[in-house]
Full PDB file with SEQRES, HELIX, SHEET, SSBOND, CRYST1, ORIGX, SCALE, CONECT and MASTER records, all heavy atoms in Angstrom:
SEQRES   1 A   42  GLU ALA ASP VAL ILE THR ALA PHE VAL GLU LYS PRO LYS          
SEQRES   2 A   42  ASP PRO PRO ALA ILE PRO GLY GLN PRO ASP VAL ALA LEU          
SEQRES   3 A   42  ALA SER MET GLY ILE TYR VAL PHE ARG THR ARG PHE LEU          
SEQRES   4 A   42  ILE GLU GLN                                                  
HELIX    1 AA1 THR A   36  GLU A   41  1                                   6    
CRYST1    1.000    1.000    1.000  90.00  90.00  90.00 P 1           1          
ORIGX1      1.000000  0.000000  0.000000        0.00000                         
ORIGX2      0.000000  1.000000  0.000000        0.00000                         
ORIGX3      0.000000  0.000000  1.000000        0.00000                         
SCALE1      1.000000  0.000000  0.000000        0.00000                         
SCALE2      0.000000  1.000000  0.000000        0.00000                         
SCALE3      0.000000  0.000000  1.000000        0.00000                         
ATOM      1  N   GLU A   1       0.815  -1.229   0.000  1.00  0.00           N  
ATOM      2  CA  GLU A   1       0.000   0.000   0.000  1.00  0.00           C  
ATOM      3  C   GLU A   1       0.842   1.269   0.000  1.00  0.00           C  
ATOM      4  O   GLU A   1       0.388   2.328  -0.419  1.00  0.00           O  
ATOM      5  CB  GLU A   1      -0.939   0.010   1.221  1.00  0.00           C  
ATOM      6  CG  GLU A   1      -2.135  -0.928   1.111  1.00  0.00           C  
ATOM      7  CD  GLU A   1      -1.763  -2.386   1.380  1.00  0.00           C  
ATOM      8  OE1 GLU A   1      -0.587  -2.640   1.741  1.00  0.00           O  
ATOM      9  OE2 GLU A   1      -2.627  -3.258   1.215  1.00  0.00           O  
ATOM     10  N   ALA A   2       2.091   1.176   0.462  1.00  0.00           N  
ATOM     11  CA  ALA A   2       2.981   2.350   0.507  1.00  0.00           C  
ATOM     12  C   ALA A   2       3.885   2.429  -0.721  1.00  0.00           C  
ATOM     13  O   ALA A   2       4.842   3.207  -0.743  1.00  0.00           O  
ATOM     14  CB  ALA A   2       3.821   2.305   1.781  1.00  0.00           C  
ATOM     15  N   ASP A   3       3.610   1.624  -1.737  1.00  0.00           N  
ATOM     16  CA  ASP A   3       4.405   1.558  -2.977  1.00  0.00           C  
ATOM     17  C   ASP A   3       5.824   1.041  -2.748  1.00  0.00           C  
ATOM     18  O   ASP A   3       6.719   1.270  -3.573  1.00  0.00           O  
ATOM     19  CB  ASP A   3       4.437   2.910  -3.706  1.00  0.00           C  
ATOM     20  CG  ASP A   3       3.181   3.120  -4.557  1.00  0.00           C  
ATOM     21  OD1 ASP A   3       2.419   2.154  -4.732  1.00  0.00           O  
ATOM     22  OD2 ASP A   3       2.980   4.244  -5.051  1.00  0.00           O  
ATOM     23  N   VAL A   4       6.034   0.356  -1.630  1.00  0.00           N  
ATOM     24  CA  VAL A   4       7.305  -0.363  -1.447  1.00  0.00           C  
ATOM     25  C   VAL A   4       7.247  -1.639  -2.290  1.00  0.00           C  
ATOM     26  O   VAL A   4       6.258  -2.376  -2.259  1.00  0.00           O  
ATOM     27  CB  VAL A   4       7.538  -0.708   0.039  1.00  0.00           C  
ATOM     28  CG1 VAL A   4       8.782  -1.581   0.201  1.00  0.00           C  
ATOM     29  CG2 VAL A   4       7.683   0.572   0.851  1.00  0.00           C  
ATOM     30  N   ILE A   5       8.301  -1.872  -3.063  1.00  0.00           N  
ATOM     31  CA  ILE A   5       8.314  -3.010  -3.984  1.00  0.00           C  
ATOM     32  C   ILE A   5       8.632  -4.288  -3.199  1.00  0.00           C  
ATOM     33  O   ILE A   5       9.676  -4.376  -2.533  1.00  0.00           O  
ATOM     34  CB  ILE A   5       9.348  -2.795  -5.103  1.00  0.00           C  
ATOM     35  CG1 ILE A   5       9.020  -1.516  -5.892  1.00  0.00           C  
ATOM     36  CG2 ILE A   5       9.386  -4.000  -6.049  1.00  0.00           C  
ATOM     37  CD1 ILE A   5      10.125  -1.054  -6.830  1.00  0.00           C  
ATOM     38  N   THR A   6       7.726  -5.260  -3.283  1.00  0.00           N  
ATOM     39  CA  THR A   6       7.937  -6.528  -2.576  1.00  0.00           C  
ATOM     40  C   THR A   6       8.442  -7.628  -3.497  1.00  0.00           C  
ATOM     41  O   THR A   6       8.995  -8.618  -3.034  1.00  0.00           O  
ATOM     42  CB  THR A   6       6.618  -6.994  -1.915  1.00  0.00           C  
ATOM     43  OG1 THR A   6       5.598  -7.084  -2.925  1.00  0.00           O  
ATOM     44  CG2 THR A   6       6.175  -5.994  -0.855  1.00  0.00           C  
ATOM     45  N   ALA A   7       8.254  -7.448  -4.795  1.00  0.00           N  
ATOM     46  CA  ALA A   7       8.764  -8.419  -5.772  1.00  0.00           C  
ATOM     47  C   ALA A   7       8.910  -7.745  -7.125  1.00  0.00           C  
ATOM     48  O   ALA A   7       8.133  -6.846  -7.470  1.00  0.00           O  
ATOM     49  CB  ALA A   7       7.830  -9.625  -5.887  1.00  0.00           C  
ATOM     50  N   PHE A   8       9.937  -8.167  -7.865  1.00  0.00           N  
ATOM     51  CA  PHE A   8      10.153  -7.662  -9.222  1.00  0.00           C  
ATOM     52  C   PHE A   8      10.077  -8.864 -10.157  1.00  0.00           C  
ATOM     53  O   PHE A   8      10.855  -9.799 -10.043  1.00  0.00           O  
ATOM     54  CB  PHE A   8      11.523  -6.989  -9.316  1.00  0.00           C  
ATOM     55  CG  PHE A   8      11.844  -6.454 -10.688  1.00  0.00           C  
ATOM     56  CD1 PHE A   8      11.525  -5.155 -11.034  1.00  0.00           C  
ATOM     57  CD2 PHE A   8      12.469  -7.248 -11.634  1.00  0.00           C  
ATOM     58  CE1 PHE A   8      11.823  -4.662 -12.293  1.00  0.00           C  
ATOM     59  CE2 PHE A   8      12.766  -6.761 -12.902  1.00  0.00           C  
ATOM     60  CZ  PHE A   8      12.444  -5.461 -13.228  1.00  0.00           C  
ATOM     61  N   VAL A   9       9.103  -8.847 -11.073  1.00  0.00           N  
ATOM     62  CA  VAL A   9       8.869 -10.004 -11.938  1.00  0.00           C  
ATOM     63  C   VAL A   9       9.093  -9.589 -13.393  1.00  0.00           C  
ATOM     64  O   VAL A   9       8.474  -8.637 -13.882  1.00  0.00           O  
ATOM     65  CB  VAL A   9       7.418 -10.532 -11.783  1.00  0.00           C  
ATOM     66  CG1 VAL A   9       7.304 -11.925 -12.365  1.00  0.00           C  
ATOM     67  CG2 VAL A   9       6.983 -10.530 -10.328  1.00  0.00           C  
ATOM     68  N   GLU A  10       9.984 -10.276 -14.083  1.00  0.00           N  
ATOM     69  CA  GLU A  10      10.297  -9.942 -15.474  1.00  0.00           C  
ATOM     70  C   GLU A  10       9.337 -10.646 -16.425  1.00  0.00           C  
ATOM     71  O   GLU A  10       9.257 -11.867 -16.448  1.00  0.00           O  
ATOM     72  CB  GLU A  10      11.749 -10.353 -15.787  1.00  0.00           C  
ATOM     73  CG  GLU A  10      12.286  -9.816 -17.106  1.00  0.00           C  
ATOM     74  CD  GLU A  10      12.495  -8.311 -17.106  1.00  0.00           C  
ATOM     75  OE1 GLU A  10      13.096  -7.791 -16.163  1.00  0.00           O  
ATOM     76  OE2 GLU A  10      12.023  -7.666 -18.055  1.00  0.00           O  
ATOM     77  N   LYS A  11       8.574  -9.867 -17.192  1.00  0.00           N  
ATOM     78  CA  LYS A  11       7.647 -10.357 -18.219  1.00  0.00           C  
ATOM     79  C   LYS A  11       6.765 -11.512 -17.720  1.00  0.00           C  
ATOM     80  O   LYS A  11       6.812 -12.629 -18.244  1.00  0.00           O  
ATOM     81  CB  LYS A  11       8.430 -10.774 -19.471  1.00  0.00           C  
ATOM     82  CG  LYS A  11       9.163  -9.604 -20.108  1.00  0.00           C  
ATOM     83  CD  LYS A  11       9.898  -9.974 -21.378  1.00  0.00           C  
ATOM     84  CE  LYS A  11      10.579  -8.742 -21.960  1.00  0.00           C  
ATOM     85  NZ  LYS A  11      11.387  -9.020 -23.152  1.00  0.00           N  
ATOM     86  N   PRO A  12       5.952 -11.267 -16.686  1.00  0.00           N  
ATOM     87  CA  PRO A  12       5.130 -12.335 -16.109  1.00  0.00           C  
ATOM     88  C   PRO A  12       3.908 -12.659 -16.977  1.00  0.00           C  
ATOM     89  O   PRO A  12       3.376 -11.792 -17.664  1.00  0.00           O  
ATOM     90  CB  PRO A  12       4.688 -11.736 -14.771  1.00  0.00           C  
ATOM     91  CG  PRO A  12       4.646 -10.265 -15.035  1.00  0.00           C  
ATOM     92  CD  PRO A  12       5.736  -9.969 -16.026  1.00  0.00           C  
ATOM     93  N   LYS A  13       3.488 -13.920 -16.942  1.00  0.00           N  
ATOM     94  CA  LYS A  13       2.268 -14.310 -17.665  1.00  0.00           C  
ATOM     95  C   LYS A  13       1.021 -13.763 -16.953  1.00  0.00           C  
ATOM     96  O   LYS A  13       0.016 -13.459 -17.594  1.00  0.00           O  
ATOM     97  CB  LYS A  13       2.183 -15.836 -17.762  1.00  0.00           C  
ATOM     98  CG  LYS A  13       3.183 -16.465 -18.720  1.00  0.00           C  
ATOM     99  CD  LYS A  13       2.855 -17.939 -18.939  1.00  0.00           C  
ATOM    100  CE  LYS A  13       3.732 -18.555 -20.025  1.00  0.00           C  
ATOM    101  NZ  LYS A  13       5.105 -18.777 -19.599  1.00  0.00           N  
ATOM    102  N   ASP A  14       1.097 -13.652 -15.608  1.00  0.00           N  
ATOM    103  CA  ASP A  14      -0.028 -13.148 -14.820  1.00  0.00           C  
ATOM    104  C   ASP A  14       0.476 -12.000 -13.930  1.00  0.00           C  
ATOM    105  O   ASP A  14       0.808 -12.207 -12.763  1.00  0.00           O  
ATOM    106  CB  ASP A  14      -0.616 -14.281 -13.966  1.00  0.00           C  
ATOM    107  CG  ASP A  14      -1.868 -13.834 -13.213  1.00  0.00           C  
ATOM    108  OD1 ASP A  14      -2.545 -12.905 -13.698  1.00  0.00           O  
ATOM    109  OD2 ASP A  14      -2.154 -14.413 -12.147  1.00  0.00           O  
ATOM    110  N   PRO A  15       0.546 -10.771 -14.472  1.00  0.00           N  
ATOM    111  CA  PRO A  15       1.160  -9.667 -13.739  1.00  0.00           C  
ATOM    112  C   PRO A  15       0.428  -9.346 -12.434  1.00  0.00           C  
ATOM    113  O   PRO A  15      -0.806  -9.364 -12.391  1.00  0.00           O  
ATOM    114  CB  PRO A  15       1.048  -8.482 -14.717  1.00  0.00           C  
ATOM    115  CG  PRO A  15       0.846  -9.099 -16.060  1.00  0.00           C  
ATOM    116  CD  PRO A  15       0.084 -10.361 -15.812  1.00  0.00           C  
ATOM    117  N   PRO A  16       1.183  -9.054 -11.361  1.00  0.00           N  
ATOM    118  CA  PRO A  16       0.543  -8.679 -10.093  1.00  0.00           C  
ATOM    119  C   PRO A  16      -0.093  -7.292 -10.194  1.00  0.00           C  
ATOM    120  O   PRO A  16       0.462  -6.387 -10.826  1.00  0.00           O  
ATOM    121  CB  PRO A  16       1.711  -8.671  -9.094  1.00  0.00           C  
ATOM    122  CG  PRO A  16       2.938  -8.483  -9.934  1.00  0.00           C  
ATOM    123  CD  PRO A  16       2.654  -9.118 -11.252  1.00  0.00           C  
ATOM    124  N   ALA A  17      -1.259  -7.118  -9.583  1.00  0.00           N  
ATOM    125  CA  ALA A  17      -1.990  -5.852  -9.643  1.00  0.00           C  
ATOM    126  C   ALA A  17      -1.543  -4.924  -8.515  1.00  0.00           C  
ATOM    127  O   ALA A  17      -0.926  -5.345  -7.532  1.00  0.00           O  
ATOM    128  CB  ALA A  17      -3.489  -6.117  -9.546  1.00  0.00           C  
ATOM    129  N   ILE A  18      -1.879  -3.643  -8.667  1.00  0.00           N  
ATOM    130  CA  ILE A  18      -1.652  -2.661  -7.607  1.00  0.00           C  
ATOM    131  C   ILE A  18      -2.715  -2.865  -6.527  1.00  0.00           C  
ATOM    132  O   ILE A  18      -3.890  -3.086  -6.846  1.00  0.00           O  
ATOM    133  CB  ILE A  18      -1.762  -1.229  -8.180  1.00  0.00           C  
ATOM    134  CG1 ILE A  18      -0.730  -1.015  -9.287  1.00  0.00           C  
ATOM    135  CG2 ILE A  18      -1.612  -0.178  -7.096  1.00  0.00           C  
ATOM    136  CD1 ILE A  18      -0.888   0.302 -10.028  1.00  0.00           C  
ATOM    137  N   PRO A  19      -2.340  -2.811  -5.235  1.00  0.00           N  
ATOM    138  CA  PRO A  19      -3.345  -2.938  -4.169  1.00  0.00           C  
ATOM    139  C   PRO A  19      -4.470  -1.914  -4.348  1.00  0.00           C  
ATOM    140  O   PRO A  19      -4.215  -0.720  -4.511  1.00  0.00           O  
ATOM    141  CB  PRO A  19      -2.536  -2.656  -2.895  1.00  0.00           C  
ATOM    142  CG  PRO A  19      -1.134  -3.031  -3.246  1.00  0.00           C  
ATOM    143  CD  PRO A  19      -0.978  -2.701  -4.691  1.00  0.00           C  
ATOM    144  N   GLY A  20      -5.704  -2.405  -4.356  1.00  0.00           N  
ATOM    145  CA  GLY A  20      -6.864  -1.543  -4.526  1.00  0.00           C  
ATOM    146  C   GLY A  20      -7.216  -1.233  -5.962  1.00  0.00           C  
ATOM    147  O   GLY A  20      -8.243  -0.618  -6.244  1.00  0.00           O  
ATOM    148  N   GLN A  21      -6.354  -1.648  -6.903  1.00  0.00           N  
ATOM    149  CA  GLN A  21      -6.627  -1.447  -8.336  1.00  0.00           C  
ATOM    150  C   GLN A  21      -6.370  -2.767  -9.074  1.00  0.00           C  
ATOM    151  O   GLN A  21      -5.310  -2.968  -9.653  1.00  0.00           O  
ATOM    152  CB  GLN A  21      -5.744  -0.342  -8.919  1.00  0.00           C  
ATOM    153  CG  GLN A  21      -6.014   1.051  -8.352  1.00  0.00           C  
ATOM    154  CD  GLN A  21      -5.050   2.082  -8.900  1.00  0.00           C  
ATOM    155  OE1 GLN A  21      -3.970   2.298  -8.356  1.00  0.00           O  
ATOM    156  NE2 GLN A  21      -5.428   2.723  -9.997  1.00  0.00           N  
ATOM    157  N   PRO A  22      -7.333  -3.676  -9.045  1.00  0.00           N  
ATOM    158  CA  PRO A  22      -7.105  -5.036  -9.540  1.00  0.00           C  
ATOM    159  C   PRO A  22      -6.827  -5.129 -11.037  1.00  0.00           C  
ATOM    160  O   PRO A  22      -6.298  -6.140 -11.507  1.00  0.00           O  
ATOM    161  CB  PRO A  22      -8.416  -5.761  -9.192  1.00  0.00           C  
ATOM    162  CG  PRO A  22      -9.434  -4.672  -9.010  1.00  0.00           C  
ATOM    163  CD  PRO A  22      -8.687  -3.498  -8.488  1.00  0.00           C  
ATOM    164  N   ASP A  23      -7.138  -4.082 -11.808  1.00  0.00           N  
ATOM    165  CA  ASP A  23      -6.939  -4.135 -13.260  1.00  0.00           C  
ATOM    166  C   ASP A  23      -5.711  -3.359 -13.725  1.00  0.00           C  
ATOM    167  O   ASP A  23      -5.496  -3.184 -14.926  1.00  0.00           O  
ATOM    168  CB  ASP A  23      -8.184  -3.592 -13.986  1.00  0.00           C  
ATOM    169  CG  ASP A  23      -9.416  -4.440 -13.707  1.00  0.00           C  
ATOM    170  OD1 ASP A  23      -9.264  -5.669 -13.562  1.00  0.00           O  
ATOM    171  OD2 ASP A  23     -10.523  -3.861 -13.614  1.00  0.00           O  
ATOM    172  N   VAL A  24      -4.906  -2.871 -12.769  1.00  0.00           N  
ATOM    173  CA  VAL A  24      -3.752  -2.035 -13.117  1.00  0.00           C  
ATOM    174  C   VAL A  24      -2.479  -2.640 -12.525  1.00  0.00           C  
ATOM    175  O   VAL A  24      -2.476  -3.126 -11.392  1.00  0.00           O  
ATOM    176  CB  VAL A  24      -3.939  -0.590 -12.591  1.00  0.00           C  
ATOM    177  CG1 VAL A  24      -2.759   0.295 -13.000  1.00  0.00           C  
ATOM    178  CG2 VAL A  24      -5.242   0.002 -13.114  1.00  0.00           C  
ATOM    179  N   ALA A  25      -1.400  -2.612 -13.326  1.00  0.00           N  
ATOM    180  CA  ALA A  25      -0.098  -3.085 -12.852  1.00  0.00           C  
ATOM    181  C   ALA A  25       0.931  -1.967 -13.002  1.00  0.00           C  
ATOM    182  O   ALA A  25       0.734  -1.009 -13.766  1.00  0.00           O  
ATOM    183  CB  ALA A  25       0.334  -4.317 -13.635  1.00  0.00           C  
ATOM    184  N   LEU A  26       2.032  -2.085 -12.254  1.00  0.00           N  
ATOM    185  CA  LEU A  26       3.124  -1.113 -12.351  1.00  0.00           C  
ATOM    186  C   LEU A  26       4.268  -1.721 -13.170  1.00  0.00           C  
ATOM    187  O   LEU A  26       4.875  -2.713 -12.764  1.00  0.00           O  
ATOM    188  CB  LEU A  26       3.633  -0.735 -10.959  1.00  0.00           C  
ATOM    189  CG  LEU A  26       2.772   0.216 -10.131  1.00  0.00           C  
ATOM    190  CD1 LEU A  26       3.436   0.477  -8.783  1.00  0.00           C  
ATOM    191  CD2 LEU A  26       2.543   1.535 -10.862  1.00  0.00           C  
ATOM    192  N   ALA A  27       4.558  -1.117 -14.320  1.00  0.00           N  
ATOM    193  CA  ALA A  27       5.612  -1.608 -15.204  1.00  0.00           C  
ATOM    194  C   ALA A  27       6.835  -0.701 -15.099  1.00  0.00           C  
ATOM    195  O   ALA A  27       6.716   0.530 -15.056  1.00  0.00           O  
ATOM    196  CB  ALA A  27       5.111  -1.645 -16.645  1.00  0.00           C  
ATOM    197  N   SER A  28       8.012  -1.304 -15.076  1.00  0.00           N  
ATOM    198  CA  SER A  28       9.248  -0.535 -14.949  1.00  0.00           C  
ATOM    199  C   SER A  28       9.517   0.291 -16.209  1.00  0.00           C  
ATOM    200  O   SER A  28       9.367  -0.185 -17.328  1.00  0.00           O  
ATOM    201  CB  SER A  28      10.430  -1.467 -14.696  1.00  0.00           C  
ATOM    202  OG  SER A  28      11.654  -0.753 -14.765  1.00  0.00           O  
ATOM    203  N   MET A  29       9.940   1.551 -16.014  1.00  0.00           N  
ATOM    204  CA  MET A  29      10.302   2.436 -17.126  1.00  0.00           C  
ATOM    205  C   MET A  29      11.795   2.396 -17.411  1.00  0.00           C  
ATOM    206  O   MET A  29      12.279   3.071 -18.327  1.00  0.00           O  
ATOM    207  CB  MET A  29       9.915   3.883 -16.795  1.00  0.00           C  
ATOM    208  CG  MET A  29       8.450   4.108 -16.511  1.00  0.00           C  
ATOM    209  SD  MET A  29       8.157   5.763 -15.833  1.00  0.00           S  
ATOM    210  CE  MET A  29       8.514   6.809 -17.240  1.00  0.00           C  
ATOM    211  N   GLY A  30      12.554   1.646 -16.629  1.00  0.00           N  
ATOM    212  CA  GLY A  30      14.000   1.653 -16.795  1.00  0.00           C  
ATOM    213  C   GLY A  30      14.645   2.925 -16.263  1.00  0.00           C  
ATOM    214  O   GLY A  30      15.717   3.333 -16.718  1.00  0.00           O  
ATOM    215  N   ILE A  31      13.986   3.567 -15.277  1.00  0.00           N  
ATOM    216  CA  ILE A  31      14.512   4.776 -14.629  1.00  0.00           C  
ATOM    217  C   ILE A  31      14.744   4.456 -13.155  1.00  0.00           C  
ATOM    218  O   ILE A  31      13.830   3.988 -12.478  1.00  0.00           O  
ATOM    219  CB  ILE A  31      13.531   5.956 -14.755  1.00  0.00           C  
ATOM    220  CG1 ILE A  31      13.281   6.289 -16.221  1.00  0.00           C  
ATOM    221  CG2 ILE A  31      14.039   7.183 -14.007  1.00  0.00           C  
ATOM    222  CD1 ILE A  31      12.221   7.364 -16.425  1.00  0.00           C  
ATOM    223  N   TYR A  32      15.968   4.704 -12.681  1.00  0.00           N  
ATOM    224  CA  TYR A  32      16.314   4.349 -11.300  1.00  0.00           C  
ATOM    225  C   TYR A  32      17.042   5.512 -10.633  1.00  0.00           C  
ATOM    226  O   TYR A  32      17.897   6.158 -11.253  1.00  0.00           O  
ATOM    227  CB  TYR A  32      17.234   3.115 -11.265  1.00  0.00           C  
ATOM    228  CG  TYR A  32      16.766   1.976 -12.128  1.00  0.00           C  
ATOM    229  CD1 TYR A  32      17.441   1.641 -13.305  1.00  0.00           C  
ATOM    230  CD2 TYR A  32      15.639   1.225 -11.797  1.00  0.00           C  
ATOM    231  CE1 TYR A  32      17.018   0.589 -14.117  1.00  0.00           C  
ATOM    232  CE2 TYR A  32      15.199   0.182 -12.600  1.00  0.00           C  
ATOM    233  CZ  TYR A  32      15.896  -0.132 -13.756  1.00  0.00           C  
ATOM    234  OH  TYR A  32      15.470  -1.161 -14.559  1.00  0.00           O  
ATOM    235  N   VAL A  33      16.721   5.757  -9.352  1.00  0.00           N  
ATOM    236  CA  VAL A  33      17.429   6.758  -8.556  1.00  0.00           C  
ATOM    237  C   VAL A  33      18.113   6.061  -7.388  1.00  0.00           C  
ATOM    238  O   VAL A  33      17.485   5.260  -6.675  1.00  0.00           O  
ATOM    239  CB  VAL A  33      16.465   7.849  -8.039  1.00  0.00           C  
ATOM    240  CG1 VAL A  33      17.173   8.771  -7.053  1.00  0.00           C  
ATOM    241  CG2 VAL A  33      15.907   8.668  -9.195  1.00  0.00           C  
ATOM    242  N   PHE A  34      19.400   6.360  -7.205  1.00  0.00           N  
ATOM    243  CA  PHE A  34      20.201   5.807  -6.101  1.00  0.00           C  
ATOM    244  C   PHE A  34      20.985   6.944  -5.437  1.00  0.00           C  
ATOM    245  O   PHE A  34      21.308   7.944  -6.091  1.00  0.00           O  
ATOM    246  CB  PHE A  34      21.270   4.824  -6.604  1.00  0.00           C  
ATOM    247  CG  PHE A  34      20.786   3.624  -7.348  1.00  0.00           C  
ATOM    248  CD1 PHE A  34      20.577   3.673  -8.724  1.00  0.00           C  
ATOM    249  CD2 PHE A  34      20.604   2.409  -6.699  1.00  0.00           C  
ATOM    250  CE1 PHE A  34      20.178   2.550  -9.429  1.00  0.00           C  
ATOM    251  CE2 PHE A  34      20.216   1.282  -7.395  1.00  0.00           C  
ATOM    252  CZ  PHE A  34      19.997   1.351  -8.761  1.00  0.00           C  
ATOM    253  N   ARG A  35      21.350   6.739  -4.173  1.00  0.00           N  
ATOM    254  CA  ARG A  35      22.477   7.491  -3.630  1.00  0.00           C  
ATOM    255  C   ARG A  35      23.729   6.925  -4.300  1.00  0.00           C  
ATOM    256  O   ARG A  35      23.881   5.709  -4.425  1.00  0.00           O  
ATOM    257  CB  ARG A  35      22.586   7.315  -2.112  1.00  0.00           C  
ATOM    258  CG  ARG A  35      21.751   8.293  -1.334  1.00  0.00           C  
ATOM    259  CD  ARG A  35      22.101   8.281   0.150  1.00  0.00           C  
ATOM    260  NE  ARG A  35      21.245   9.207   0.871  1.00  0.00           N  
ATOM    261  CZ  ARG A  35      21.494  10.494   1.039  1.00  0.00           C  
ATOM    262  NH1 ARG A  35      22.612  11.004   0.558  1.00  0.00           N  
ATOM    263  NH2 ARG A  35      20.658  11.264   1.697  1.00  0.00           N  
ATOM    264  N   THR A  36      24.624   7.798  -4.711  1.00  0.00           N  
ATOM    265  CA  THR A  36      25.780   7.355  -5.502  1.00  0.00           C  
ATOM    266  C   THR A  36      26.615   6.328  -4.746  1.00  0.00           C  
ATOM    267  O   THR A  36      27.030   5.303  -5.315  1.00  0.00           O  
ATOM    268  CB  THR A  36      26.654   8.569  -5.882  1.00  0.00           C  
ATOM    269  OG1 THR A  36      25.832   9.548  -6.515  1.00  0.00           O  
ATOM    270  CG2 THR A  36      27.768   8.156  -6.825  1.00  0.00           C  
ATOM    271  N   ARG A  37      26.842   6.575  -3.463  1.00  0.00           N  
ATOM    272  CA  ARG A  37      27.697   5.660  -2.695  1.00  0.00           C  
ATOM    273  C   ARG A  37      27.081   4.260  -2.639  1.00  0.00           C  
ATOM    274  O   ARG A  37      27.774   3.257  -2.799  1.00  0.00           O  
ATOM    275  CB  ARG A  37      27.902   6.219  -1.277  1.00  0.00           C  
ATOM    276  CG  ARG A  37      29.002   5.479  -0.488  1.00  0.00           C  
ATOM    277  CD  ARG A  37      29.275   6.125   0.860  1.00  0.00           C  
ATOM    278  NE  ARG A  37      29.708   7.504   0.716  1.00  0.00           N  
ATOM    279  CZ  ARG A  37      29.073   8.535   1.276  1.00  0.00           C  
ATOM    280  NH1 ARG A  37      27.982   8.344   1.992  1.00  0.00           N  
ATOM    281  NH2 ARG A  37      29.526   9.758   1.128  1.00  0.00           N  
ATOM    282  N   PHE A  38      25.767   4.198  -2.438  1.00  0.00           N  
ATOM    283  CA  PHE A  38      25.077   2.905  -2.385  1.00  0.00           C  
ATOM    284  C   PHE A  38      25.136   2.208  -3.746  1.00  0.00           C  
ATOM    285  O   PHE A  38      25.370   0.998  -3.828  1.00  0.00           O  
ATOM    286  CB  PHE A  38      23.616   3.105  -1.953  1.00  0.00           C  
ATOM    287  CG  PHE A  38      22.808   1.835  -1.948  1.00  0.00           C  
ATOM    288  CD1 PHE A  38      22.886   0.952  -0.874  1.00  0.00           C  
ATOM    289  CD2 PHE A  38      21.990   1.508  -3.025  1.00  0.00           C  
ATOM    290  CE1 PHE A  38      22.152  -0.232  -0.875  1.00  0.00           C  
ATOM    291  CE2 PHE A  38      21.254   0.325  -3.026  1.00  0.00           C  
ATOM    292  CZ  PHE A  38      21.342  -0.544  -1.946  1.00  0.00           C  
ATOM    293  N   LEU A  39      24.934   2.960  -4.827  1.00  0.00           N  
ATOM    294  CA  LEU A  39      24.981   2.373  -6.170  1.00  0.00           C  
ATOM    295  C   LEU A  39      26.351   1.759  -6.445  1.00  0.00           C  
ATOM    296  O   LEU A  39      26.442   0.629  -6.957  1.00  0.00           O  
ATOM    297  CB  LEU A  39      24.662   3.444  -7.214  1.00  0.00           C  
ATOM    298  CG  LEU A  39      24.858   3.025  -8.682  1.00  0.00           C  
ATOM    299  CD1 LEU A  39      23.956   1.855  -9.047  1.00  0.00           C  
ATOM    300  CD2 LEU A  39      24.627   4.201  -9.620  1.00  0.00           C  
ATOM    301  N   ILE A  40      27.402   2.480  -6.093  1.00  0.00           N  
ATOM    302  CA  ILE A  40      28.755   1.974  -6.361  1.00  0.00           C  
ATOM    303  C   ILE A  40      29.011   0.691  -5.574  1.00  0.00           C  
ATOM    304  O   ILE A  40      29.594  -0.272  -6.096  1.00  0.00           O  
ATOM    305  CB  ILE A  40      29.795   3.070  -6.044  1.00  0.00           C  
ATOM    306  CG1 ILE A  40      29.686   4.188  -7.092  1.00  0.00           C  
ATOM    307  CG2 ILE A  40      31.211   2.490  -6.004  1.00  0.00           C  
ATOM    308  CD1 ILE A  40      30.517   5.417  -6.791  1.00  0.00           C  
ATOM    309  N   GLU A  41      28.540   0.646  -4.323  1.00  0.00           N  
ATOM    310  CA  GLU A  41      28.675  -0.594  -3.533  1.00  0.00           C  
ATOM    311  C   GLU A  41      27.972  -1.754  -4.226  1.00  0.00           C  
ATOM    312  O   GLU A  41      28.517  -2.872  -4.312  1.00  0.00           O  
ATOM    313  CB  GLU A  41      28.066  -0.388  -2.133  1.00  0.00           C  
ATOM    314  CG  GLU A  41      28.867   0.515  -1.222  1.00  0.00           C  
ATOM    315  CD  GLU A  41      28.082   0.855   0.045  1.00  0.00           C  
ATOM    316  OE1 GLU A  41      26.949   0.324   0.211  1.00  0.00           O  
ATOM    317  OE2 GLU A  41      28.585   1.659   0.869  1.00  0.00           O  
ATOM    318  N   GLN A  42      26.772  -1.509  -4.736  1.00  0.00           N  
ATOM    319  CA  GLN A  42      26.001  -2.569  -5.405  1.00  0.00           C  
ATOM    320  C   GLN A  42      26.668  -3.009  -6.706  1.00  0.00           C  
ATOM    321  O   GLN A  42      26.659  -4.198  -7.047  1.00  0.00           O  
ATOM    322  CB  GLN A  42      24.570  -2.084  -5.681  1.00  0.00           C  
ATOM    323  CG  GLN A  42      23.728  -1.899  -4.441  1.00  0.00           C  
ATOM    324  CD  GLN A  42      23.622  -3.186  -3.635  1.00  0.00           C  
ATOM    325  OE1 GLN A  42      23.314  -4.251  -4.160  1.00  0.00           O  
ATOM    326  NE2 GLN A  42      23.898  -3.084  -2.340  1.00  0.00           N  
TER     327      GLN A  42                                                      
MASTER        0    0    0    1    0    0    0    6  326    1    0    4          
END                                                                             
């Protein structure tokens, strides 16, 4: 409910819906924000 990602599924046959919106899913745009230090560690 807080938009915290609990799972990332690549090209799923049955995409998970947004809580409270059963017909809508969140698809990745390929845009990511990191703190630089954390990104470099990863």
